[in-house]
Amino acid sequence: MKKIILDTNAYTGLLVGTETILDVIAGTETVYFSIFVMGELYYGFHGGTKESENREILQNFLLKPPVKILNATSETAEIFGTIKNNLKTAGTPIPINDVWIAAHAIETGSKLITFDKHFKNIKGLRIWNMIK
């Protein structure tokens, strides 16, 4: 895979050394990291006992050459609106941050690395094949 985007649980898997995540990242040219994943992580850091350590680990990861941080653009917002409407119409809502993360994946043409099955409800989203 040339371009991937990490969901929050995939980043966590990376930190604990999940071999399949390490393998995916090793063979990737660009690792996108959504600002919405960062928000979820910072939220989690506040509730933990290793906040400063977790922040430092994240900052070191974000400085790696293949990692690119994605901010929301007007195109992201348009894709978000389409995804959210499609999910509502189908009666298959998912967490709001995951809609934004999916929008980033579609916008960049990246494959989403996640363990969350609900992403399968999003048309046009390329998802890592490890989801059962």
Foldseek 3Di string as FASTA:
>chain_A
DAEEEEALVLVVCVVVCVPVSVVVVVPYQAYEYEVLSVVVVLVVLVVDPPNVVSVVVVVVVCPDVRYDYDYDDVQLVVQLVVQQVQCVVVVQDDDSSVSSSQSVCQVVVHEYEDQDPSVVSGPPHHYDPPHD
